[in-house]
PDB file of N, CA and C in Angstrom:
ATOM      1  N   MET A   1     -12.780  -6.959  -5.457  1.00  0.00           N
ATOM      2  CA  MET A   1     -11.937  -5.891  -5.954  1.00  0.00           C
ATOM      3  C   MET A   1     -10.486  -6.360  -5.860  1.00  0.00           C
ATOM      4  N   PRO A   2      -9.667  -6.025  -6.849  1.00  0.00           N
ATOM      5  CA  PRO A   2      -8.265  -6.453  -6.843  1.00  0.00           C
ATOM      6  C   PRO A   2      -7.447  -5.773  -5.739  1.00  0.00           C
ATOM      7  N   SER A   3      -6.340  -6.402  -5.412  1.00  0.00           N
ATOM      8  CA  SER A   3      -5.361  -5.827  -4.484  1.00  0.00           C
ATOM      9  C   SER A   3      -4.124  -5.441  -5.279  1.00  0.00           C
ATOM     10  N   TYR A   4      -3.467  -4.379  -4.830  1.00  0.00           N
ATOM     11  CA  TYR A   4      -2.247  -3.906  -5.482  1.00  0.00           C
ATOM     12  C   TYR A   4      -1.141  -3.756  -4.456  1.00  0.00           C
ATOM     13  N   LEU A   5       0.036  -4.134  -4.865  1.00  0.00           N
ATOM     14  CA  LEU A   5       1.232  -4.061  -4.044  1.00  0.00           C
ATOM     15  C   LEU A   5       2.030  -2.844  -4.492  1.00  0.00           C
ATOM     16  N   VAL A   6       2.278  -1.940  -3.563  1.00  0.00           N
ATOM     17  CA  VAL A   6       3.056  -0.731  -3.854  1.00  0.00           C
ATOM     18  C   VAL A   6       4.427  -0.910  -3.222  1.00  0.00           C
ATOM     19  N   GLU A   7       5.447  -0.958  -4.050  1.00  0.00           N
ATOM     20  CA  GLU A   7       6.821  -1.143  -3.575  1.00  0.00           C
ATOM     21  C   GLU A   7       7.451   0.216  -3.292  1.00  0.00           C
ATOM     22  N   THR A   8       8.072   0.346  -2.109  1.00  0.00           N
ATOM     23  CA  THR A   8       8.733   1.589  -1.724  1.00  0.00           C
ATOM     24  C   THR A   8      10.084   1.275  -1.084  1.00  0.00           C
ATOM     25  N   PHE A   9      10.953   2.266  -1.029  1.00  0.00           N
ATOM     26  CA  PHE A   9      12.223   2.151  -0.313  1.00  0.00           C
ATOM     27  C   PHE A   9      11.969   2.509   1.142  1.00  0.00           C
ATOM     28  N   LEU A  10      12.524   1.733   2.062  1.00  0.00           N
ATOM     29  CA  LEU A  10      12.475   2.059   3.486  1.00  0.00           C
ATOM     30  C   LEU A  10      13.715   1.475   4.145  1.00  0.00           C
ATOM     31  N   ALA A  11      14.521   2.335   4.713  1.00  0.00           N
ATOM     32  CA  ALA A  11      15.789   1.919   5.324  1.00  0.00           C
ATOM     33  C   ALA A  11      15.578   0.889   6.429  1.00  0.00           C
ATOM     34  N   ARG A  12      16.635   0.125   6.693  1.00  0.00           N
ATOM     35  CA  ARG A  12      16.603  -0.957   7.690  1.00  0.00           C
ATOM     36  C   ARG A  12      16.043  -0.542   9.039  1.00  0.00           C
ATOM     37  N   GLY A  13      16.548   0.501   9.597  1.00  0.00           N
ATOM     38  CA  GLY A  13      16.183   0.883  10.961  1.00  0.00           C
ATOM     39  C   GLY A  13      15.041   1.876  11.038  1.00  0.00           C
ATOM     40  N   ALA A  14      14.161   1.882  10.054  1.00  0.00           N
ATOM     41  CA  ALA A  14      13.122   2.913   9.988  1.00  0.00           C
ATOM     42  C   ALA A  14      11.737   2.400  10.386  1.00  0.00           C
ATOM     43  N   ALA A  15      11.661   1.608  11.435  1.00  0.00           N
ATOM     44  CA  ALA A  15      10.376   1.058  11.866  1.00  0.00           C
ATOM     45  C   ALA A  15       9.382   2.172  12.205  1.00  0.00           C
ATOM     46  N   GLY A  16       9.844   3.237  12.824  1.00  0.00           N
ATOM     47  CA  GLY A  16       8.972   4.364  13.160  1.00  0.00           C
ATOM     48  C   GLY A  16       8.413   5.025  11.914  1.00  0.00           C
ATOM     49  N   GLU A  17       9.218   5.145  10.893  1.00  0.00           N
ATOM     50  CA  GLU A  17       8.762   5.730   9.634  1.00  0.00           C
ATOM     51  C   GLU A  17       7.708   4.827   8.987  1.00  0.00           C
ATOM     52  N   ARG A  18       7.871   3.534   9.117  1.00  0.00           N
ATOM     53  CA  ARG A  18       6.871   2.610   8.565  1.00  0.00           C
ATOM     54  C   ARG A  18       5.507   2.878   9.183  1.00  0.00           C
ATOM     55  N   ARG A  19       5.457   3.024  10.483  1.00  0.00           N
ATOM     56  CA  ARG A  19       4.177   3.284  11.157  1.00  0.00           C
ATOM     57  C   ARG A  19       3.568   4.604  10.691  1.00  0.00           C
ATOM     58  N   ALA A  20       4.408   5.620  10.520  1.00  0.00           N
ATOM     59  CA  ALA A  20       3.914   6.917  10.035  1.00  0.00           C
ATOM     60  C   ALA A  20       3.365   6.781   8.619  1.00  0.00           C
ATOM     61  N   ARG A  21       4.040   6.024   7.777  1.00  0.00           N
ATOM     62  CA  ARG A  21       3.566   5.808   6.408  1.00  0.00           C
ATOM     63  C   ARG A  21       2.252   5.039   6.405  1.00  0.00           C
ATOM     64  N   GLU A  22       2.123   4.051   7.288  1.00  0.00           N
ATOM     65  CA  GLU A  22       0.865   3.299   7.383  1.00  0.00           C
ATOM     66  C   GLU A  22      -0.282   4.223   7.771  1.00  0.00           C
ATOM     67  N   ARG A  23      -0.050   5.119   8.743  1.00  0.00           N
ATOM     68  CA  ARG A  23      -1.097   6.057   9.161  1.00  0.00           C
ATOM     69  C   ARG A  23      -1.507   6.954   7.996  1.00  0.00           C
ATOM     70  N   ARG A  24      -0.511   7.457   7.250  1.00  0.00           N
ATOM     71  CA  ARG A  24      -0.819   8.317   6.100  1.00  0.00           C
ATOM     72  C   ARG A  24      -1.596   7.538   5.037  1.00  0.00           C
ATOM     73  N   ALA A  25      -1.165   6.312   4.752  1.00  0.00           N
ATOM     74  CA  ALA A  25      -1.826   5.492   3.734  1.00  0.00           C
ATOM     75  C   ALA A  25      -3.283   5.237   4.121  1.00  0.00           C
ATOM     76  N   ARG A  26      -3.510   4.882   5.367  1.00  0.00           N
ATOM     77  CA  ARG A  26      -4.867   4.614   5.851  1.00  0.00           C
ATOM     78  C   ARG A  26      -5.722   5.879   5.765  1.00  0.00           C
ATOM     79  N   SER A  27      -5.167   6.994   6.209  1.00  0.00           N
ATOM     80  CA  SER A  27      -5.897   8.259   6.221  1.00  0.00           C
ATOM     81  C   SER A  27      -6.264   8.706   4.801  1.00  0.00           C
ATOM     82  N   VAL A  28      -5.317   8.624   3.883  1.00  0.00           N
ATOM     83  CA  VAL A  28      -5.577   9.036   2.495  1.00  0.00           C
ATOM     84  C   VAL A  28      -6.593   8.103   1.850  1.00  0.00           C
ATOM     85  N   ALA A  29      -6.465   6.799   2.058  1.00  0.00           N
ATOM     86  CA  ALA A  29      -7.421   5.842   1.486  1.00  0.00           C
ATOM     87  C   ALA A  29      -8.822   6.122   2.016  1.00  0.00           C
ATOM     88  N   GLU A  30      -8.953   6.395   3.307  1.00  0.00           N
ATOM     89  CA  GLU A  30     -10.265   6.693   3.888  1.00  0.00           C
ATOM     90  C   GLU A  30     -10.840   7.978   3.306  1.00  0.00           C
ATOM     91  N   ALA A  31      -9.991   8.999   3.141  1.00  0.00           N
ATOM     92  CA  ALA A  31     -10.454  10.270   2.561  1.00  0.00           C
ATOM     93  C   ALA A  31     -10.910  10.071   1.119  1.00  0.00           C
ATOM     94  N   MET A  32     -10.145   9.322   0.344  1.00  0.00           N
ATOM     95  CA  MET A  32     -10.511   9.079  -1.048  1.00  0.00           C
ATOM     96  C   MET A  32     -11.803   8.260  -1.133  1.00  0.00           C
ATOM     97  N   ALA A  33     -11.988   7.319  -0.224  1.00  0.00           N
ATOM     98  CA  ALA A  33     -13.214   6.520  -0.201  1.00  0.00           C
ATOM     99  C   ALA A  33     -14.422   7.413   0.099  1.00  0.00           C
ATOM    100  N   ARG A  34     -14.249   8.353   1.020  1.00  0.00           N
ATOM    101  CA  ARG A  34     -15.341   9.288   1.330  1.00  0.00           C
ATOM    102  C   ARG A  34     -15.680  10.150   0.118  1.00  0.00           C
ATOM    103  N   GLU A  35     -14.662  10.415  -0.724  1.00  0.00           N
ATOM    104  CA  GLU A  35     -14.863  11.231  -1.932  1.00  0.00           C
ATOM    105  C   GLU A  35     -15.424  10.407  -3.094  1.00  0.00           C
ATOM    106  N   GLY A  36     -15.566   9.083  -2.897  1.00  0.00           N
ATOM    107  CA  GLY A  36     -16.170   8.258  -3.928  1.00  0.00           C
ATOM    108  C   GLY A  36     -15.248   7.308  -4.663  1.00  0.00           C
ATOM    109  N   THR A  37     -13.941   7.330  -4.378  1.00  0.00           N
ATOM    110  CA  THR A  37     -13.010   6.389  -5.003  1.00  0.00           C
ATOM    111  C   THR A  37     -12.943   5.149  -4.130  1.00  0.00           C
ATOM    112  N   ARG A  38     -13.266   4.013  -4.694  1.00  0.00           N
ATOM    113  CA  ARG A  38     -13.308   2.767  -3.911  1.00  0.00           C
ATOM    114  C   ARG A  38     -11.893   2.235  -3.702  1.00  0.00           C
ATOM    115  N   VAL A  39     -11.257   2.671  -2.626  1.00  0.00           N
ATOM    116  CA  VAL A  39      -9.913   2.197  -2.272  1.00  0.00           C
ATOM    117  C   VAL A  39      -9.869   1.885  -0.783  1.00  0.00           C
ATOM    118  N   GLY A  40      -8.972   0.986  -0.410  1.00  0.00           N
ATOM    119  CA  GLY A  40      -8.787   0.667   0.994  1.00  0.00           C
ATOM    120  C   GLY A  40      -7.356   0.238   1.252  1.00  0.00           C
ATOM    121  N   PHE A  41      -6.824   0.634   2.388  1.00  0.00           N
ATOM    122  CA  PHE A  41      -5.485   0.237   2.805  1.00  0.00           C
ATOM    123  C   PHE A  41      -5.583  -1.102   3.504  1.00  0.00           C
ATOM    124  N   GLU A  42      -4.789  -2.086   3.068  1.00  0.00           N
ATOM    125  CA  GLU A  42      -4.830  -3.426   3.650  1.00  0.00           C
ATOM    126  C   GLU A  42      -3.710  -3.700   4.641  1.00  0.00           C
ATOM    127  N   GLY A  43      -2.529  -3.117   4.444  1.00  0.00           N
ATOM    128  CA  GLY A  43      -1.419  -3.359   5.352  1.00  0.00           C
ATOM    129  C   GLY A  43      -0.077  -3.161   4.671  1.00  0.00           C
ATOM    130  N   SER A  44       0.987  -3.497   5.391  1.00  0.00           N
ATOM    131  CA  SER A  44       2.333  -3.342   4.836  1.00  0.00           C
ATOM    132  C   SER A  44       3.233  -4.476   5.293  1.00  0.00           C
ATOM    133  N   ILE A  45       4.299  -4.665   4.538  1.00  0.00           N
ATOM    134  CA  ILE A  45       5.325  -5.671   4.852  1.00  0.00           C
ATOM    135  C   ILE A  45       6.679  -5.006   4.635  1.00  0.00           C
ATOM    136  N   HIS A  46       7.488  -4.945   5.680  1.00  0.00           N
ATOM    137  CA  HIS A  46       8.825  -4.359   5.573  1.00  0.00           C
ATOM    138  C   HIS A  46       9.847  -5.487   5.470  1.00  0.00           C
ATOM    139  N   VAL A  47      10.727  -5.380   4.488  1.00  0.00           N
ATOM    140  CA  VAL A  47      11.820  -6.345   4.309  1.00  0.00           C
ATOM    141  C   VAL A  47      13.110  -5.563   4.587  1.00  0.00           C
ATOM    142  N   PRO A  48      13.506  -5.463   5.876  1.00  0.00           N
ATOM    143  CA  PRO A  48      14.638  -4.612   6.245  1.00  0.00           C
ATOM    144  C   PRO A  48      15.936  -4.957   5.513  1.00  0.00           C
ATOM    145  N   GLU A  49      16.208  -6.231   5.321  1.00  0.00           N
ATOM    146  CA  GLU A  49      17.451  -6.630   4.666  1.00  0.00           C
ATOM    147  C   GLU A  49      17.581  -6.041   3.265  1.00  0.00           C
ATOM    148  N   ASP A  50      16.460  -5.929   2.560  1.00  0.00           N
ATOM    149  CA  ASP A  50      16.457  -5.363   1.207  1.00  0.00           C
ATOM    150  C   ASP A  50      16.077  -3.895   1.189  1.00  0.00           C
ATOM    151  N   GLU A  51      15.766  -3.325   2.351  1.00  0.00           N
ATOM    152  CA  GLU A  51      15.332  -1.935   2.489  1.00  0.00           C
ATOM    153  C   GLU A  51      14.154  -1.611   1.569  1.00  0.00           C
ATOM    154  N   ILE A  52      13.189  -2.534   1.573  1.00  0.00           N
ATOM    155  CA  ILE A  52      11.972  -2.400   0.774  1.00  0.00           C
ATOM    156  C   ILE A  52      10.779  -2.534   1.707  1.00  0.00           C
ATOM    157  N   CYS A  53       9.751  -1.767   1.418  1.00  0.00           N
ATOM    158  CA  CYS A  53       8.509  -1.885   2.162  1.00  0.00           C
ATOM    159  C   CYS A  53       7.382  -1.949   1.136  1.00  0.00           C
ATOM    160  N   PHE A  54       6.513  -2.947   1.292  1.00  0.00           N
ATOM    161  CA  PHE A  54       5.378  -3.120   0.403  1.00  0.00           C
ATOM    162  C   PHE A  54       4.109  -2.699   1.136  1.00  0.00           C
ATOM    163  N   PHE A  55       3.299  -1.899   0.483  1.00  0.00           N
ATOM    164  CA  PHE A  55       2.002  -1.489   1.007  1.00  0.00           C
ATOM    165  C   PHE A  55       0.944  -2.097   0.105  1.00  0.00           C
ATOM    166  N   THR A  56      -0.094  -2.664   0.689  1.00  0.00           N
ATOM    167  CA  THR A  56      -1.144  -3.255  -0.137  1.00  0.00           C
ATOM    168  C   THR A  56      -2.428  -2.444  -0.016  1.00  0.00           C
ATOM    169  N   PHE A  57      -3.046  -2.254  -1.170  1.00  0.00           N
ATOM    170  CA  PHE A  57      -4.289  -1.494  -1.268  1.00  0.00           C
ATOM    171  C   PHE A  57      -5.298  -2.292  -2.075  1.00  0.00           C
ATOM    172  N   GLU A  58      -6.538  -2.199  -1.681  1.00  0.00           N
ATOM    173  CA  GLU A  58      -7.626  -2.717  -2.477  1.00  0.00           C
ATOM    174  C   GLU A  58      -8.091  -1.534  -3.320  1.00  0.00           C
ATOM    175  N   ALA A  59      -8.161  -1.726  -4.633  1.00  0.00           N
ATOM    176  CA  ALA A  59      -8.521  -0.623  -5.529  1.00  0.00           C
ATOM    177  C   ALA A  59      -9.030  -1.180  -6.856  1.00  0.00           C
ATOM    178  N   PRO A  60      -9.825  -0.393  -7.582  1.00  0.00           N
ATOM    179  CA  PRO A  60     -10.324  -0.858  -8.868  1.00  0.00           C
ATOM    180  C   PRO A  60      -9.220  -1.035  -9.915  1.00  0.00           C
ATOM    181  N   SER A  61      -8.131  -0.259  -9.774  1.00  0.00           N
ATOM    182  CA  SER A  61      -7.037  -0.365 -10.744  1.00  0.00           C
ATOM    183  C   SER A  61      -5.719   0.055 -10.096  1.00  0.00           C
ATOM    184  N   GLY A  62      -4.635  -0.251 -10.796  1.00  0.00           N
ATOM    185  CA  GLY A  62      -3.313   0.144 -10.317  1.00  0.00           C
ATOM    186  C   GLY A  62      -3.146   1.652 -10.254  1.00  0.00           C
ATOM    187  N   SER A  63      -3.819   2.373 -11.142  1.00  0.00           N
ATOM    188  CA  SER A  63      -3.677   3.835 -11.126  1.00  0.00           C
ATOM    189  C   SER A  63      -4.273   4.440  -9.858  1.00  0.00           C
ATOM    190  N   GLU A  64      -5.405   3.886  -9.375  1.00  0.00           N
ATOM    191  CA  GLU A  64      -5.970   4.374  -8.112  1.00  0.00           C
ATOM    192  C   GLU A  64      -5.067   4.022  -6.940  1.00  0.00           C
ATOM    193  N   ALA A  65      -4.491   2.829  -6.942  1.00  0.00           N
ATOM    194  CA  ALA A  65      -3.560   2.441  -5.880  1.00  0.00           C
ATOM    195  C   ALA A  65      -2.339   3.348  -5.890  1.00  0.00           C
ATOM    196  N   ALA A  66      -1.834   3.665  -7.081  1.00  0.00           N
ATOM    197  CA  ALA A  66      -0.683   4.564  -7.195  1.00  0.00           C
ATOM    198  C   ALA A  66      -1.031   5.967  -6.699  1.00  0.00           C
ATOM    199  N   LEU A  67      -2.255   6.413  -6.979  1.00  0.00           N
ATOM    200  CA  LEU A  67      -2.681   7.741  -6.535  1.00  0.00           C
ATOM    201  C   LEU A  67      -2.733   7.818  -5.007  1.00  0.00           C
ATOM    202  N   VAL A  68      -3.258   6.782  -4.357  1.00  0.00           N
ATOM    203  CA  VAL A  68      -3.269   6.748  -2.888  1.00  0.00           C
ATOM    204  C   VAL A  68      -1.835   6.831  -2.374  1.00  0.00           C
ATOM    205  N   ALA A  69      -0.948   6.028  -2.943  1.00  0.00           N
ATOM    206  CA  ALA A  69       0.453   6.001  -2.505  1.00  0.00           C
ATOM    207  C   ALA A  69       1.119   7.361  -2.689  1.00  0.00           C
ATOM    208  N   GLN A  70       0.859   8.005  -3.809  1.00  0.00           N
ATOM    209  CA  GLN A  70       1.456   9.323  -4.055  1.00  0.00           C
ATOM    210  C   GLN A  70       0.934  10.356  -3.066  1.00  0.00           C
ATOM    211  N   ARG A  71      -0.379  10.357  -2.856  1.00  0.00           N
ATOM    212  CA  ARG A  71      -0.974  11.323  -1.917  1.00  0.00           C
ATOM    213  C   ARG A  71      -0.511  11.078  -0.483  1.00  0.00           C
ATOM    214  N   ALA A  72      -0.192   9.829  -0.161  1.00  0.00           N
ATOM    215  CA  ALA A  72       0.293   9.485   1.185  1.00  0.00           C
ATOM    216  C   ALA A  72       1.801   9.679   1.312  1.00  0.00           C
ATOM    217  N   ARG A  73       2.428  10.172   0.248  1.00  0.00           N
ATOM    218  CA  ARG A  73       3.871  10.447   0.214  1.00  0.00           C
ATOM    219  C   ARG A  73       4.693   9.183   0.498  1.00  0.00           C
ATOM    220  N   LEU A  74       4.268   8.053  -0.119  1.00  0.00           N
ATOM    221  CA  LEU A  74       5.005   6.803   0.050  1.00  0.00           C
ATOM    222  C   LEU A  74       6.161   6.680  -0.936  1.00  0.00           C
ATOM    223  N   GLU A  75       6.212   7.562  -1.936  1.00  0.00           N
ATOM    224  CA  GLU A  75       7.246   7.530  -2.972  1.00  0.00           C
ATOM    225  C   GLU A  75       7.320   6.152  -3.622  1.00  0.00           C
ATOM    226  N   PRO A  76       6.238   5.737  -4.297  1.00  0.00           N
ATOM    227  CA  PRO A  76       6.200   4.397  -4.893  1.00  0.00           C
ATOM    228  C   PRO A  76       7.244   4.200  -5.984  1.00  0.00           C
ATOM    229  N   ILE A  77       7.889   3.038  -5.953  1.00  0.00           N
ATOM    230  CA  ILE A  77       8.831   2.644  -6.996  1.00  0.00           C
ATOM    231  C   ILE A  77       8.065   1.969  -8.118  1.00  0.00           C
ATOM    232  N   ARG A  78       7.148   1.084  -7.744  1.00  0.00           N
ATOM    233  CA  ARG A  78       6.281   0.431  -8.726  1.00  0.00           C
ATOM    234  C   ARG A  78       5.016  -0.056  -8.042  1.00  0.00           C
ATOM    235  N   VAL A  79       4.005  -0.296  -8.877  1.00  0.00           N
ATOM    236  CA  VAL A  79       2.705  -0.770  -8.408  1.00  0.00           C
ATOM    237  C   VAL A  79       2.319  -1.960  -9.280  1.00  0.00           C
ATOM    238  N   VAL A  80       2.022  -3.096  -8.639  1.00  0.00           N
ATOM    239  CA  VAL A  80       1.639  -4.304  -9.374  1.00  0.00           C
ATOM    240  C   VAL A  80       0.436  -4.955  -8.699  1.00  0.00           C
ATOM    241  N   GLU A  81      -0.362  -5.659  -9.500  1.00  0.00           N
ATOM    242  CA  GLU A  81      -1.495  -6.376  -8.934  1.00  0.00           C
ATOM    243  C   GLU A  81      -0.983  -7.556  -8.105  1.00  0.00           C
ATOM    244  N   ALA A  82      -1.612  -7.788  -6.980  1.00  0.00           N
ATOM    245  CA  ALA A  82      -1.252  -8.900  -6.090  1.00  0.00           C
ATOM    246  C   ALA A  82      -2.449  -9.840  -5.999  1.00  0.00           C
ATOM    247  N   VAL A  83      -2.187 -11.125  -6.096  1.00  0.00           N
ATOM    248  CA  VAL A  83      -3.255 -12.125  -6.023  1.00  0.00           C
ATOM    249  C   VAL A  83      -3.032 -12.960  -4.764  1.00  0.00           C
ATOM    250  N   PRO A  84      -3.810 -12.682  -3.709  1.00  0.00           N
ATOM    251  CA  PRO A  84      -3.628 -13.446  -2.467  1.00  0.00           C
ATOM    252  C   PRO A  84      -4.174 -14.860  -2.606  1.00  0.00           C
ATOM    253  N   SER A  85      -3.628 -15.791  -1.834  1.00  0.00           N
ATOM    254  CA  SER A  85      -4.187 -17.137  -1.815  1.00  0.00           C
ATOM    255  C   SER A  85      -5.435 -17.111  -0.951  1.00  0.00           C
ATOM    256  N   ARG A  86      -6.355 -17.944  -1.278  1.00  0.00           N
ATOM    257  CA  ARG A  86      -7.591 -18.063  -0.511  1.00  0.00           C
ATOM    258  C   ARG A  86      -7.539 -19.351   0.285  1.00  0.00           C
ATOM    259  N   LYS A  87      -8.183 -19.376   1.438  1.00  0.00           N
ATOM    260  CA  LYS A  87      -8.165 -20.558   2.306  1.00  0.00           C
ATOM    261  C   LYS A  87      -8.638 -21.797   1.557  1.00  0.00           C
ATOM    262  N   GLU A  88      -9.668 -21.643   0.730  1.00  0.00           N
ATOM    263  CA  GLU A  88     -10.195 -22.810   0.022  1.00  0.00           C
ATOM    264  C   GLU A  88      -9.233 -23.344  -1.038  1.00  0.00           C
ATOM    265  N   GLU A  89      -8.213 -22.540  -1.448  1.00  0.00           N
ATOM    266  CA  GLU A  89      -7.231 -22.977  -2.432  1.00  0.00           C
ATOM    267  C   GLU A  89      -6.106 -23.778  -1.793  1.00  0.00           C
ATOM    268  N   GLN A  90      -5.946 -23.712  -0.493  1.00  0.00           N
ATOM    269  CA  GLN A  90      -4.813 -24.343   0.180  1.00  0.00           C
ATOM    270  C   GLN A  90      -5.006 -25.818   0.370  1.00  0.00           C
TER     271      GLN A  90
END
C-alpha cells in the first residue's frame, strides 16, 4: 500500500503540540481502519526551522490520507505520495 506525506504548519517551539497531533492521527487512523478504510499512521517529522511538520500515512489513495489528516485536525497544507527507500535498494 502506498505511503502519503501530509504537510502541516507547526511552530518551532510546539513539540508538545506535535505529540498531541500524533495521538490524534493514530487514533483517527485506527478508528477508520475499524470502520473498513485501510489506513495507518506511520509517524511524523518536525522541521522546526521551517515550522513544518510532516505526517506519514499508509493509505490506498491521497484522498484517504487527507481525510485522516482532516479528521485528526492536522490542518493539512498538501498531501503527496511518498516513496520510501528499501534496504535492498541501498
